[in-house]
Amino acid sequence: MAKPDPNRILRLLPIAVGILGGSLLFTNRILTPDLTNSQSRSDVMGVILSAILILTGLLWQQIQPRTPDSVELVGEEGFELDPNLPDSVKTELAWASHILLTNTVTRSLIVYYRGKVLLRRGILSPNKEVKPGAILQRVLDKQKPIYLVALNVYPGKIEFDYLPENTQGVICQPIGKEGVLILGANAPRSYTKQDENWVSAIAEKLDNSLSQL
């Protein structure tokens, strides 16, 4: 279910104030049979200010960015680690996944390395197996990240059946030459450039540890 935009009332406020002010001026003009010159000038200024407020509100509707609509991802929350990993690597994977889940819009996370799923955390899909499709394979081959800003519009979304079915956005970040960090978000177009840089830095840190296995 989409969450309401918390800034919607702020964007509508200038329009509401402008309409209210204009209505009060109009009512005052009707109820006052004889207006002095100073009152007429005040009414003109009031009408101009009301019009400016309404125009400002309309411009805000177009210019001010809206918070992307988010959804509740379908699945159970969980934390799964490959039991065969060294304790030091488990600790690092736990730390990295916690950072991403608490400091970005990521709600589901998978570490896929050397053909195995080393970690799943967040909202989990019933499907535990990662079979690289065209998109994931391209990341593995090119070692370049791919950010699918609105997963629903991509025909290739079917390959991400190991993420919650209503995942809204996906980042596939290479971990060196042998793995991929797969992040699922609950809102489209929600990762910022700063988030992408943060994800890249964490993937490089993970590669430094995982490459020594």
N, C-alpha and C. Protein backbone atom coordinates (compact mmCIF):
# COMPACT_ATOMS: atom_id res chain seq x y z
N MET A 1 0.85 -1.20 0.00
CA MET A 1 0.00 0.00 0.00
C MET A 1 0.88 1.24 0.00
N ALA A 2 0.60 2.18 -0.89
CA ALA A 2 1.41 3.39 -1.01
C ALA A 2 1.19 4.30 0.19
N LYS A 3 2.27 4.91 0.65
CA LYS A 3 2.19 5.83 1.78
C LYS A 3 1.91 7.24 1.26
N PRO A 4 1.14 8.06 2.02
CA PRO A 4 0.84 9.41 1.57
C PRO A 4 2.07 10.29 1.58
N ASP A 5 2.06 11.29 0.70
CA ASP A 5 3.17 12.23 0.61
C ASP A 5 3.11 13.18 1.80
N PRO A 6 4.14 13.20 2.68
CA PRO A 6 4.08 14.05 3.87
C PRO A 6 4.15 15.54 3.56
N ASN A 7 4.60 15.92 2.36
CA ASN A 7 4.72 17.34 2.00
C ASN A 7 3.51 17.87 1.23
N ARG A 8 2.51 17.03 1.04
CA ARG A 8 1.36 17.44 0.23
C ARG A 8 0.65 18.66 0.81
N ILE A 9 0.46 18.67 2.13
CA ILE A 9 -0.24 19.79 2.78
C ILE A 9 0.55 21.08 2.63
N LEU A 10 1.88 20.99 2.76
CA LEU A 10 2.71 22.19 2.62
C LEU A 10 2.60 22.78 1.22
N ARG A 11 2.54 21.90 0.21
CA ARG A 11 2.44 22.40 -1.17
C ARG A 11 1.08 23.04 -1.44
N LEU A 12 0.05 22.57 -0.75
CA LEU A 12 -1.29 23.10 -0.96
C LEU A 12 -1.58 24.34 -0.12
N LEU A 13 -0.76 24.59 0.90
CA LEU A 13 -1.02 25.69 1.83
C LEU A 13 -1.10 27.06 1.16
N PRO A 14 -0.15 27.45 0.27
CA PRO A 14 -0.27 28.78 -0.37
C PRO A 14 -1.55 28.92 -1.18
N ILE A 15 -1.98 27.84 -1.84
CA ILE A 15 -3.22 27.91 -2.63
C ILE A 15 -4.41 28.15 -1.71
N ALA A 16 -4.46 27.40 -0.60
CA ALA A 16 -5.58 27.54 0.33
C ALA A 16 -5.63 28.94 0.93
N VAL A 17 -4.46 29.46 1.34
CA VAL A 17 -4.42 30.81 1.94
C VAL A 17 -4.80 31.86 0.90
N GLY A 18 -4.33 31.71 -0.33
CA GLY A 18 -4.66 32.66 -1.38
C GLY A 18 -6.15 32.69 -1.68
N ILE A 19 -6.77 31.51 -1.77
CA ILE A 19 -8.21 31.44 -2.04
C ILE A 19 -9.00 32.03 -0.88
N LEU A 20 -8.58 31.71 0.35
CA LEU A 20 -9.27 32.24 1.53
C LEU A 20 -9.18 33.77 1.57
N GLY A 21 -7.96 34.29 1.33
CA GLY A 21 -7.79 35.74 1.35
C GLY A 21 -8.61 36.43 0.28
N GLY A 22 -8.62 35.86 -0.93
CA GLY A 22 -9.41 36.45 -2.01
C GLY A 22 -10.90 36.41 -1.71
N SER A 23 -11.36 35.32 -1.10
CA SER A 23 -12.79 35.20 -0.76
C SER A 23 -13.19 36.23 0.29
N LEU A 24 -12.33 36.42 1.29
CA LEU A 24 -12.64 37.40 2.33
C LEU A 24 -12.67 38.83 1.76
N LEU A 25 -11.74 39.12 0.85
CA LEU A 25 -11.75 40.45 0.23
C LEU A 25 -13.01 40.67 -0.59
N PHE A 26 -13.43 39.63 -1.33
CA PHE A 26 -14.63 39.74 -2.14
C PHE A 26 -15.87 39.95 -1.26
N THR A 27 -15.93 39.19 -0.15
CA THR A 27 -17.06 39.33 0.78
C THR A 27 -17.08 40.72 1.39
N ASN A 28 -15.91 41.20 1.77
CA ASN A 28 -15.83 42.54 2.36
C ASN A 28 -16.27 43.62 1.38
N ARG A 29 -15.91 43.45 0.10
CA ARG A 29 -16.30 44.43 -0.91
C ARG A 29 -17.82 44.46 -1.09
N ILE A 30 -18.45 43.27 -1.07
CA ILE A 30 -19.90 43.20 -1.25
C ILE A 30 -20.64 43.82 -0.07
N LEU A 31 -20.14 43.57 1.13
CA LEU A 31 -20.83 44.03 2.34
C LEU A 31 -20.53 45.48 2.69
N THR A 32 -19.61 46.10 1.98
CA THR A 32 -19.27 47.50 2.26
C THR A 32 -19.75 48.38 1.10
N PRO A 33 -20.86 49.11 1.29
CA PRO A 33 -21.43 49.89 0.17
C PRO A 33 -20.54 51.06 -0.27
N ASP A 34 -19.93 51.74 0.68
CA ASP A 34 -19.12 52.91 0.34
C ASP A 34 -17.67 52.66 0.75
N LEU A 35 -16.80 52.61 -0.24
CA LEU A 35 -15.38 52.37 0.02
C LEU A 35 -14.59 53.65 -0.15
N THR A 36 -13.68 53.87 0.76
CA THR A 36 -12.78 55.01 0.61
C THR A 36 -11.67 54.65 -0.37
N ASN A 37 -10.92 55.67 -0.79
CA ASN A 37 -9.82 55.41 -1.72
C ASN A 37 -8.77 54.50 -1.10
N SER A 38 -8.50 54.70 0.19
CA SER A 38 -7.49 53.87 0.85
C SER A 38 -7.95 52.41 0.93
N GLN A 39 -9.27 52.20 1.16
CA GLN A 39 -9.78 50.83 1.21
C GLN A 39 -9.69 50.17 -0.17
N SER A 40 -9.96 50.94 -1.21
CA SER A 40 -9.88 50.39 -2.56
C SER A 40 -8.45 49.97 -2.89
N ARG A 41 -7.49 50.82 -2.50
CA ARG A 41 -6.10 50.47 -2.75
C ARG A 41 -5.70 49.22 -1.96
N SER A 42 -6.21 49.12 -0.72
CA SER A 42 -5.90 47.94 0.10
C SER A 42 -6.49 46.68 -0.53
N ASP A 43 -7.70 46.81 -1.09
CA ASP A 43 -8.33 45.65 -1.74
C ASP A 43 -7.51 45.19 -2.94
N VAL A 44 -7.02 46.16 -3.71
CA VAL A 44 -6.22 45.82 -4.89
C VAL A 44 -4.96 45.07 -4.47
N MET A 45 -4.29 45.59 -3.44
CA MET A 45 -3.08 44.93 -2.95
C MET A 45 -3.40 43.53 -2.42
N GLY A 46 -4.55 43.41 -1.74
CA GLY A 46 -4.94 42.11 -1.21
C GLY A 46 -5.19 41.10 -2.32
N VAL A 47 -5.85 41.55 -3.40
CA VAL A 47 -6.12 40.66 -4.54
C VAL A 47 -4.80 40.22 -5.18
N ILE A 48 -3.87 41.16 -5.32
CA ILE A 48 -2.57 40.82 -5.92
C ILE A 48 -1.83 39.80 -5.06
N LEU A 49 -1.82 40.02 -3.74
CA LEU A 49 -1.14 39.08 -2.85
C LEU A 49 -1.79 37.70 -2.88
N SER A 50 -3.12 37.66 -2.93
CA SER A 50 -3.83 36.38 -3.01
C SER A 50 -3.47 35.65 -4.30
N ALA A 51 -3.41 36.40 -5.40
CA ALA A 51 -3.06 35.79 -6.68
C ALA A 51 -1.63 35.24 -6.66
N ILE A 52 -0.72 35.99 -6.02
CA ILE A 52 0.67 35.53 -5.92
C ILE A 52 0.76 34.24 -5.11
N LEU A 53 0.01 34.17 -4.02
CA LEU A 53 0.02 32.96 -3.19
C LEU A 53 -0.50 31.76 -3.97
N ILE A 54 -1.59 31.96 -4.71
CA ILE A 54 -2.15 30.86 -5.50
C ILE A 54 -1.16 30.41 -6.57
N LEU A 55 -0.54 31.38 -7.24
CA LEU A 55 0.45 31.05 -8.28
C LEU A 55 1.64 30.31 -7.68
N THR A 56 2.09 30.77 -6.50
CA THR A 56 3.21 30.09 -5.83
C THR A 56 2.86 28.64 -5.51
N GLY A 57 1.64 28.43 -5.01
CA GLY A 57 1.21 27.06 -4.70
C GLY A 57 1.18 26.18 -5.93
N LEU A 58 0.70 26.73 -7.05
CA LEU A 58 0.65 25.95 -8.29
C LEU A 58 2.05 25.61 -8.79
N LEU A 59 2.97 26.57 -8.64
CA LEU A 59 4.35 26.31 -9.05
C LEU A 59 4.99 25.24 -8.17
N TRP A 60 4.69 25.27 -6.87
CA TRP A 60 5.23 24.25 -5.97
C TRP A 60 4.77 22.86 -6.37
N GLN A 61 3.54 22.77 -6.88
CA GLN A 61 3.03 21.47 -7.30
C GLN A 61 3.89 20.88 -8.41
N GLN A 62 4.48 21.75 -9.24
CA GLN A 62 5.27 21.29 -10.37
C GLN A 62 6.75 21.14 -10.03
N ILE A 63 7.27 22.04 -9.18
CA ILE A 63 8.71 22.12 -8.96
C ILE A 63 9.17 21.30 -7.77
N GLN A 64 8.48 21.40 -6.65
CA GLN A 64 8.95 20.76 -5.43
C GLN A 64 8.90 19.24 -5.58
N PRO A 65 10.03 18.54 -5.37
CA PRO A 65 10.05 17.10 -5.55
C PRO A 65 9.17 16.39 -4.53
N ARG A 66 8.54 15.34 -4.98
CA ARG A 66 7.71 14.54 -4.09
C ARG A 66 8.47 13.32 -3.62
N THR A 67 8.15 12.88 -2.41
CA THR A 67 8.73 11.65 -1.91
C THR A 67 8.15 10.48 -2.70
N PRO A 68 9.01 9.60 -3.25
CA PRO A 68 8.48 8.47 -4.02
C PRO A 68 7.54 7.63 -3.18
N ASP A 69 6.46 7.15 -3.81
CA ASP A 69 5.52 6.29 -3.12
C ASP A 69 6.20 4.98 -2.74
N SER A 70 6.06 4.58 -1.50
CA SER A 70 6.67 3.35 -1.03
C SER A 70 5.60 2.31 -0.73
N VAL A 71 6.00 1.06 -0.70
CA VAL A 71 5.08 -0.04 -0.44
C VAL A 71 5.67 -0.92 0.66
N GLU A 72 4.83 -1.75 1.22
CA GLU A 72 5.30 -2.77 2.16
C GLU A 72 5.67 -4.00 1.33
N LEU A 73 6.94 -4.38 1.36
CA LEU A 73 7.36 -5.52 0.57
C LEU A 73 6.73 -6.81 1.09
N VAL A 74 6.40 -7.68 0.15
CA VAL A 74 5.77 -8.96 0.48
C VAL A 74 6.85 -9.97 0.85
N GLY A 75 6.73 -10.57 2.01
CA GLY A 75 7.71 -11.57 2.43
C GLY A 75 7.91 -11.53 3.93
N GLU A 76 8.73 -12.44 4.41
CA GLU A 76 9.05 -12.51 5.83
C GLU A 76 10.42 -11.88 6.08
N GLU A 77 10.53 -11.17 7.18
CA GLU A 77 11.82 -10.58 7.54
C GLU A 77 12.74 -11.67 8.08
N GLY A 78 13.99 -11.65 7.62
CA GLY A 78 14.91 -12.69 8.07
C GLY A 78 16.36 -12.28 7.89
N PHE A 79 17.24 -13.16 8.36
CA PHE A 79 18.68 -12.93 8.29
C PHE A 79 19.35 -14.29 8.14
N GLU A 80 19.87 -14.57 6.95
CA GLU A 80 20.47 -15.87 6.66
C GLU A 80 21.90 -15.69 6.20
N LEU A 81 22.81 -16.45 6.83
CA LEU A 81 24.23 -16.41 6.49
C LEU A 81 24.70 -17.82 6.16
N ASP A 82 25.61 -17.93 5.21
CA ASP A 82 26.23 -19.22 4.91
C ASP A 82 26.99 -19.69 6.16
N PRO A 83 26.60 -20.83 6.74
CA PRO A 83 27.24 -21.28 7.98
C PRO A 83 28.70 -21.68 7.82
N ASN A 84 29.15 -21.88 6.58
CA ASN A 84 30.53 -22.32 6.35
C ASN A 84 31.52 -21.16 6.27
N LEU A 85 31.05 -19.95 6.37
CA LEU A 85 31.94 -18.79 6.29
C LEU A 85 32.73 -18.62 7.59
N PRO A 86 33.94 -18.09 7.49
CA PRO A 86 34.70 -17.77 8.71
C PRO A 86 33.95 -16.72 9.54
N ASP A 87 34.16 -16.75 10.83
CA ASP A 87 33.46 -15.82 11.72
C ASP A 87 33.74 -14.36 11.36
N SER A 88 34.98 -14.08 10.96
CA SER A 88 35.33 -12.70 10.62
C SER A 88 34.53 -12.21 9.41
N VAL A 89 34.33 -13.09 8.43
CA VAL A 89 33.56 -12.73 7.24
C VAL A 89 32.08 -12.59 7.59
N LYS A 90 31.58 -13.47 8.44
CA LYS A 90 30.19 -13.36 8.89
C LYS A 90 29.95 -12.01 9.56
N THR A 91 30.90 -11.61 10.40
CA THR A 91 30.77 -10.33 11.10
C THR A 91 30.75 -9.17 10.13
N GLU A 92 31.62 -9.23 9.12
CA GLU A 92 31.68 -8.13 8.16
C GLU A 92 30.42 -8.08 7.30
N LEU A 93 29.91 -9.23 6.90
CA LEU A 93 28.67 -9.26 6.12
C LEU A 93 27.49 -8.74 6.95
N ALA A 94 27.47 -9.11 8.22
CA ALA A 94 26.40 -8.64 9.10
C ALA A 94 26.47 -7.12 9.26
N TRP A 95 27.69 -6.61 9.43
CA TRP A 95 27.87 -5.16 9.57
C TRP A 95 27.44 -4.42 8.30
N ALA A 96 27.93 -4.90 7.14
CA ALA A 96 27.63 -4.23 5.88
C ALA A 96 26.13 -4.23 5.59
N SER A 97 25.48 -5.36 5.81
CA SER A 97 24.05 -5.44 5.53
C SER A 97 23.25 -4.55 6.49
N HIS A 98 23.67 -4.49 7.74
CA HIS A 98 22.99 -3.63 8.71
C HIS A 98 23.10 -2.16 8.30
N ILE A 99 24.28 -1.75 7.87
CA ILE A 99 24.49 -0.36 7.44
C ILE A 99 23.58 -0.02 6.27
N LEU A 100 23.50 -0.91 5.29
CA LEU A 100 22.69 -0.63 4.10
C LEU A 100 21.20 -0.63 4.41
N LEU A 101 20.77 -1.51 5.29
CA LEU A 101 19.34 -1.60 5.61
C LEU A 101 18.87 -0.44 6.49
N THR A 102 19.77 0.13 7.24
CA THR A 102 19.37 1.20 8.17
C THR A 102 19.69 2.60 7.65
N ASN A 103 20.55 2.71 6.64
CA ASN A 103 20.96 4.03 6.17
C ASN A 103 20.57 4.33 4.72
N THR A 104 19.94 3.38 4.05
CA THR A 104 19.44 3.61 2.70
C THR A 104 18.01 3.09 2.63
N VAL A 105 17.40 3.20 1.45
CA VAL A 105 16.03 2.72 1.28
C VAL A 105 15.98 1.21 1.04
N THR A 106 17.11 0.54 1.14
CA THR A 106 17.17 -0.91 0.95
C THR A 106 16.30 -1.63 1.98
N ARG A 107 15.49 -2.57 1.49
CA ARG A 107 14.66 -3.37 2.39
C ARG A 107 14.94 -4.86 2.24
N SER A 108 15.63 -5.23 1.17
CA SER A 108 15.99 -6.63 0.95
C SER A 108 17.38 -6.66 0.34
N LEU A 109 18.21 -7.60 0.81
CA LEU A 109 19.62 -7.58 0.42
C LEU A 109 20.15 -9.00 0.25
N ILE A 110 20.92 -9.20 -0.82
CA ILE A 110 21.53 -10.51 -1.09
C ILE A 110 22.99 -10.30 -1.48
N VAL A 111 23.87 -11.13 -0.93
CA VAL A 111 25.26 -11.17 -1.37
C VAL A 111 25.47 -12.49 -2.11
N TYR A 112 25.75 -12.37 -3.40
CA TYR A 112 25.96 -13.53 -4.28
C TYR A 112 27.41 -13.53 -4.70
N TYR A 113 28.13 -14.62 -4.37
CA TYR A 113 29.57 -14.63 -4.62
C TYR A 113 30.02 -16.04 -5.02
N ARG A 114 30.74 -16.10 -6.12
CA ARG A 114 31.25 -17.37 -6.65
C ARG A 114 30.16 -18.42 -6.80
N GLY A 115 29.02 -17.96 -7.32
CA GLY A 115 27.93 -18.88 -7.60
C GLY A 115 27.12 -19.31 -6.40
N LYS A 116 27.35 -18.69 -5.24
CA LYS A 116 26.63 -19.07 -4.02
C LYS A 116 26.02 -17.83 -3.35
N VAL A 117 24.92 -18.06 -2.67
CA VAL A 117 24.32 -17.01 -1.86
C VAL A 117 24.96 -17.06 -0.48
N LEU A 118 25.71 -16.01 -0.15
CA LEU A 118 26.38 -15.97 1.15
C LEU A 118 25.51 -15.33 2.23
N LEU A 119 24.63 -14.44 1.80
CA LEU A 119 23.80 -13.72 2.78
C LEU A 119 22.48 -13.31 2.15
N ARG A 120 21.43 -13.43 2.94
CA ARG A 120 20.12 -12.84 2.61
C ARG A 120 19.63 -12.15 3.88
N ARG A 121 19.18 -10.92 3.73
CA ARG A 121 18.75 -10.18 4.93
C ARG A 121 17.68 -9.17 4.54
N GLY A 122 16.81 -8.88 5.49
CA GLY A 122 15.72 -7.94 5.26
C GLY A 122 14.44 -8.70 4.99
N ILE A 123 13.62 -8.19 4.08
CA ILE A 123 12.40 -8.88 3.66
C ILE A 123 12.80 -9.91 2.60
N LEU A 124 12.52 -11.18 2.88
CA LEU A 124 13.04 -12.25 2.04
C LEU A 124 11.94 -12.89 1.19
N SER A 125 12.34 -13.27 -0.02
CA SER A 125 11.47 -14.03 -0.91
C SER A 125 11.52 -15.50 -0.52
N PRO A 126 10.45 -16.25 -0.77
CA PRO A 126 10.49 -17.69 -0.50
C PRO A 126 11.56 -18.41 -1.33
N ASN A 127 11.89 -17.83 -2.50
CA ASN A 127 12.90 -18.44 -3.36
C ASN A 127 14.30 -18.07 -2.87
N LYS A 128 15.05 -19.05 -2.41
CA LYS A 128 16.38 -18.80 -1.86
C LYS A 128 17.48 -18.90 -2.92
N GLU A 129 17.15 -19.42 -4.08
CA GLU A 129 18.16 -19.68 -5.10
C GLU A 129 18.29 -18.50 -6.06
N VAL A 130 19.52 -18.08 -6.30
CA VAL A 130 19.80 -17.02 -7.26
C VAL A 130 20.32 -17.63 -8.55
N LYS A 131 19.54 -17.48 -9.61
CA LYS A 131 19.97 -17.92 -10.94
C LYS A 131 20.21 -16.67 -11.78
N PRO A 132 21.46 -16.36 -12.09
CA PRO A 132 21.74 -15.12 -12.83
C PRO A 132 21.02 -15.08 -14.18
N GLY A 133 20.19 -14.04 -14.35
CA GLY A 133 19.56 -13.79 -15.63
C GLY A 133 20.43 -12.84 -16.44
N ALA A 134 19.85 -12.27 -17.49
CA ALA A 134 20.62 -11.41 -18.39
C ALA A 134 21.20 -10.20 -17.67
N ILE A 135 20.42 -9.59 -16.78
CA ILE A 135 20.87 -8.37 -16.10
C ILE A 135 21.99 -8.68 -15.11
N LEU A 136 21.78 -9.68 -14.27
CA LEU A 136 22.80 -10.02 -13.28
C LEU A 136 24.07 -10.54 -13.95
N GLN A 137 23.91 -11.30 -15.02
CA GLN A 137 25.08 -11.81 -15.73
C GLN A 137 25.89 -10.69 -16.36
N ARG A 138 25.19 -9.66 -16.81
CA ARG A 138 25.89 -8.52 -17.40
C ARG A 138 26.75 -7.81 -16.34
N VAL A 139 26.22 -7.71 -15.13
CA VAL A 139 26.99 -7.10 -14.05
C VAL A 139 28.23 -7.93 -13.75
N LEU A 140 28.07 -9.25 -13.73
CA LEU A 140 29.20 -10.14 -13.47
C LEU A 140 30.25 -10.04 -14.58
N ASP A 141 29.79 -9.93 -15.82
CA ASP A 141 30.71 -9.89 -16.96
C ASP A 141 31.42 -8.55 -17.09
N LYS A 142 30.68 -7.47 -16.89
CA LYS A 142 31.23 -6.12 -17.12
C LYS A 142 31.82 -5.48 -15.87
N GLN A 143 31.48 -6.04 -14.69
CA GLN A 143 31.88 -5.44 -13.41
C GLN A 143 31.47 -3.97 -13.31
N LYS A 144 30.26 -3.69 -13.81
CA LYS A 144 29.71 -2.35 -13.71
C LYS A 144 28.30 -2.44 -13.11
N PRO A 145 27.97 -1.53 -12.19
CA PRO A 145 26.67 -1.61 -11.53
C PRO A 145 25.51 -1.28 -12.47
N ILE A 146 24.36 -1.82 -12.14
CA ILE A 146 23.12 -1.51 -12.85
C ILE A 146 22.08 -1.11 -11.81
N TYR A 147 21.46 0.04 -12.04
CA TYR A 147 20.41 0.52 -11.14
C TYR A 147 19.10 0.55 -11.92
N LEU A 148 18.17 -0.30 -11.54
CA LEU A 148 16.84 -0.33 -12.15
C LEU A 148 15.94 0.53 -11.28
N VAL A 149 15.70 1.76 -11.72
CA VAL A 149 15.03 2.75 -10.86
C VAL A 149 13.57 2.41 -10.58
N ALA A 150 12.91 1.76 -11.53
CA ALA A 150 11.51 1.36 -11.35
C ALA A 150 11.37 -0.04 -11.94
N LEU A 151 11.52 -1.04 -11.10
CA LEU A 151 11.63 -2.42 -11.58
C LEU A 151 10.42 -2.86 -12.38
N ASN A 152 9.25 -2.34 -12.04
CA ASN A 152 8.02 -2.80 -12.70
C ASN A 152 7.99 -2.53 -14.19
N VAL A 153 8.74 -1.55 -14.66
CA VAL A 153 8.69 -1.21 -16.09
C VAL A 153 9.70 -1.99 -16.91
N TYR A 154 10.53 -2.80 -16.27
CA TYR A 154 11.55 -3.56 -17.00
C TYR A 154 11.06 -4.97 -17.29
N PRO A 155 11.08 -5.39 -18.56
CA PRO A 155 10.68 -6.77 -18.89
C PRO A 155 11.53 -7.81 -18.17
N GLY A 156 12.79 -7.45 -17.88
CA GLY A 156 13.70 -8.40 -17.25
C GLY A 156 13.47 -8.58 -15.76
N LYS A 157 12.43 -7.95 -15.22
CA LYS A 157 12.20 -8.03 -13.77
C LYS A 157 11.93 -9.46 -13.32
N ILE A 158 11.50 -10.32 -14.25
CA ILE A 158 11.15 -11.69 -13.90
C ILE A 158 12.34 -12.46 -13.34
N GLU A 159 13.56 -12.04 -13.71
CA GLU A 159 14.73 -12.77 -13.22
C GLU A 159 15.00 -12.53 -11.74
N PHE A 160 14.38 -11.49 -11.18
CA PHE A 160 14.61 -11.17 -9.77
C PHE A 160 13.56 -11.83 -8.87
N ASP A 161 13.25 -13.10 -9.16
CA ASP A 161 12.26 -13.81 -8.35
C ASP A 161 12.80 -14.19 -6.98
N TYR A 162 14.07 -13.93 -6.74
CA TYR A 162 14.66 -14.19 -5.42
C TYR A 162 14.56 -12.96 -4.51
N LEU A 163 13.93 -11.90 -5.01
CA LEU A 163 13.60 -10.72 -4.20
C LEU A 163 12.09 -10.71 -3.97
N PRO A 164 11.59 -9.95 -2.99
CA PRO A 164 10.14 -9.83 -2.80
C PRO A 164 9.44 -9.46 -4.10
N GLU A 165 8.28 -10.03 -4.35
CA GLU A 165 7.62 -9.89 -5.65
C GLU A 165 7.24 -8.46 -5.99
N ASN A 166 7.06 -7.60 -4.99
CA ASN A 166 6.70 -6.21 -5.27
C ASN A 166 7.85 -5.24 -5.03
N THR A 167 9.07 -5.73 -5.18
CA THR A 167 10.25 -4.86 -5.08
C THR A 167 10.14 -3.74 -6.11
N GLN A 168 10.41 -2.51 -5.69
CA GLN A 168 10.20 -1.34 -6.55
C GLN A 168 11.45 -0.90 -7.30
N GLY A 169 12.61 -1.05 -6.70
CA GLY A 169 13.86 -0.64 -7.34
C GLY A 169 14.97 -1.60 -6.96
N VAL A 170 15.94 -1.78 -7.85
CA VAL A 170 17.02 -2.74 -7.62
C VAL A 170 18.36 -2.14 -8.01
N ILE A 171 19.36 -2.36 -7.17
CA ILE A 171 20.75 -2.07 -7.52
C ILE A 171 21.51 -3.38 -7.54
N CYS A 172 22.21 -3.63 -8.63
CA CYS A 172 23.12 -4.77 -8.74
C CYS A 172 24.54 -4.20 -8.78
N GLN A 173 25.24 -4.32 -7.67
CA GLN A 173 26.57 -3.73 -7.53
C GLN A 173 27.62 -4.84 -7.53
N PRO A 174 28.56 -4.80 -8.48
CA PRO A 174 29.57 -5.87 -8.53
C PRO A 174 30.44 -5.89 -7.28
N ILE A 175 30.76 -7.10 -6.84
CA ILE A 175 31.74 -7.30 -5.76
C ILE A 175 32.97 -7.90 -6.42
N GLY A 176 33.88 -7.04 -6.82
CA GLY A 176 35.04 -7.50 -7.57
C GLY A 176 34.62 -8.13 -8.89
N LYS A 177 35.26 -9.25 -9.24
CA LYS A 177 34.97 -9.95 -10.49
C LYS A 177 34.14 -11.21 -10.29
N GLU A 178 33.82 -11.53 -9.03
CA GLU A 178 33.21 -12.83 -8.78
C GLU A 178 31.86 -12.77 -8.06
N GLY A 179 31.37 -11.59 -7.78
CA GLY A 179 30.13 -11.54 -7.04
C GLY A 179 29.33 -10.28 -7.29
N VAL A 180 28.13 -10.26 -6.71
CA VAL A 180 27.23 -9.12 -6.87
C VAL A 180 26.50 -8.88 -5.55
N LEU A 181 26.40 -7.62 -5.20
CA LEU A 181 25.58 -7.18 -4.08
C LEU A 181 24.24 -6.73 -4.66
N ILE A 182 23.16 -7.42 -4.28
CA ILE A 182 21.84 -7.15 -4.86
C ILE A 182 20.97 -6.49 -3.80
N LEU A 183 20.50 -5.29 -4.10
CA LEU A 183 19.70 -4.51 -3.15
C LEU A 183 18.31 -4.27 -3.71
N GLY A 184 17.30 -4.49 -2.89
CA GLY A 184 15.92 -4.23 -3.29
C GLY A 184 15.32 -3.13 -2.44
N ALA A 185 14.68 -2.15 -3.09
CA ALA A 185 14.07 -1.02 -2.38
C ALA A 185 12.54 -1.13 -2.43
N ASN A 186 11.90 -0.45 -1.49
CA ASN A 186 10.44 -0.47 -1.44
C ASN A 186 9.80 0.75 -2.09
N ALA A 187 10.61 1.54 -2.80
CA ALA A 187 10.09 2.71 -3.51
C ALA A 187 10.88 2.91 -4.80
N PRO A 188 10.23 3.30 -5.89
CA PRO A 188 10.95 3.53 -7.14
C PRO A 188 11.73 4.84 -7.09
N ARG A 189 12.81 4.90 -7.85
CA ARG A 189 13.62 6.12 -7.98
C ARG A 189 14.01 6.69 -6.61
N SER A 190 14.35 5.81 -5.70
CA SER A 190 14.57 6.26 -4.32
C SER A 190 16.04 6.30 -3.91
N TYR A 191 16.92 5.65 -4.65
CA TYR A 191 18.34 5.70 -4.33
C TYR A 191 18.94 7.00 -4.87
N THR A 192 19.63 7.72 -4.01
CA THR A 192 20.30 8.94 -4.44
C THR A 192 21.71 8.61 -4.94
N LYS A 193 22.36 9.59 -5.54
CA LYS A 193 23.74 9.38 -5.98
C LYS A 193 24.64 9.08 -4.79
N GLN A 194 24.37 9.71 -3.67
CA GLN A 194 25.14 9.44 -2.47
C GLN A 194 24.95 7.99 -2.01
N ASP A 195 23.71 7.50 -2.11
CA ASP A 195 23.45 6.09 -1.78
C ASP A 195 24.26 5.16 -2.68
N GLU A 196 24.26 5.47 -3.98
CA GLU A 196 24.99 4.62 -4.93
C GLU A 196 26.49 4.61 -4.61
N ASN A 197 27.04 5.76 -4.25
CA ASN A 197 28.45 5.82 -3.88
C ASN A 197 28.72 5.01 -2.61
N TRP A 198 27.79 5.07 -1.68
CA TRP A 198 27.91 4.34 -0.42
C TRP A 198 27.87 2.83 -0.68
N VAL A 199 26.96 2.40 -1.55
CA VAL A 199 26.86 0.98 -1.91
C VAL A 199 28.14 0.51 -2.58
N SER A 200 28.68 1.33 -3.47
CA SER A 200 29.91 0.98 -4.17
C SER A 200 31.08 0.80 -3.19
N ALA A 201 31.18 1.70 -2.22
CA ALA A 201 32.27 1.63 -1.24
C ALA A 201 32.16 0.37 -0.39
N ILE A 202 30.95 0.02 0.02
CA ILE A 202 30.77 -1.19 0.83
C ILE A 202 31.08 -2.44 0.01
N ALA A 203 30.69 -2.45 -1.27
CA ALA A 203 30.99 -3.60 -2.12
C ALA A 203 32.50 -3.78 -2.28
N GLU A 204 33.23 -2.70 -2.39
CA GLU A 204 34.69 -2.79 -2.49
C GLU A 204 35.28 -3.36 -1.21
N LYS A 205 34.73 -2.95 -0.08
CA LYS A 205 35.20 -3.47 1.21
C LYS A 205 34.92 -4.97 1.32
N LEU A 206 33.75 -5.39 0.88
CA LEU A 206 33.41 -6.81 0.92
C LEU A 206 34.31 -7.63 0.00
N ASP A 207 34.61 -7.07 -1.16
CA ASP A 207 35.49 -7.78 -2.11
C ASP A 207 36.86 -8.03 -1.49
N ASN A 208 37.34 -7.08 -0.73
CA ASN A 208 38.65 -7.23 -0.10
C ASN A 208 38.67 -8.43 0.85
N SER A 209 37.55 -8.67 1.52
CA SER A 209 37.48 -9.79 2.46
C SER A 209 37.14 -11.11 1.76
N LEU A 210 36.15 -11.06 0.86
CA LEU A 210 35.69 -12.29 0.23
C LEU A 210 36.71 -12.86 -0.75
N SER A 211 37.51 -12.02 -1.36
CA SER A 211 38.50 -12.50 -2.33
C SER A 211 39.59 -13.34 -1.67
N GLN A 212 39.69 -13.27 -0.35
CA GLN A 212 40.70 -14.04 0.38
C GLN A 212 40.20 -15.41 0.83
N LEU A 213 38.94 -15.71 0.54
CA LEU A 213 38.39 -17.01 0.93
C LEU A 213 38.99 -18.14 0.09
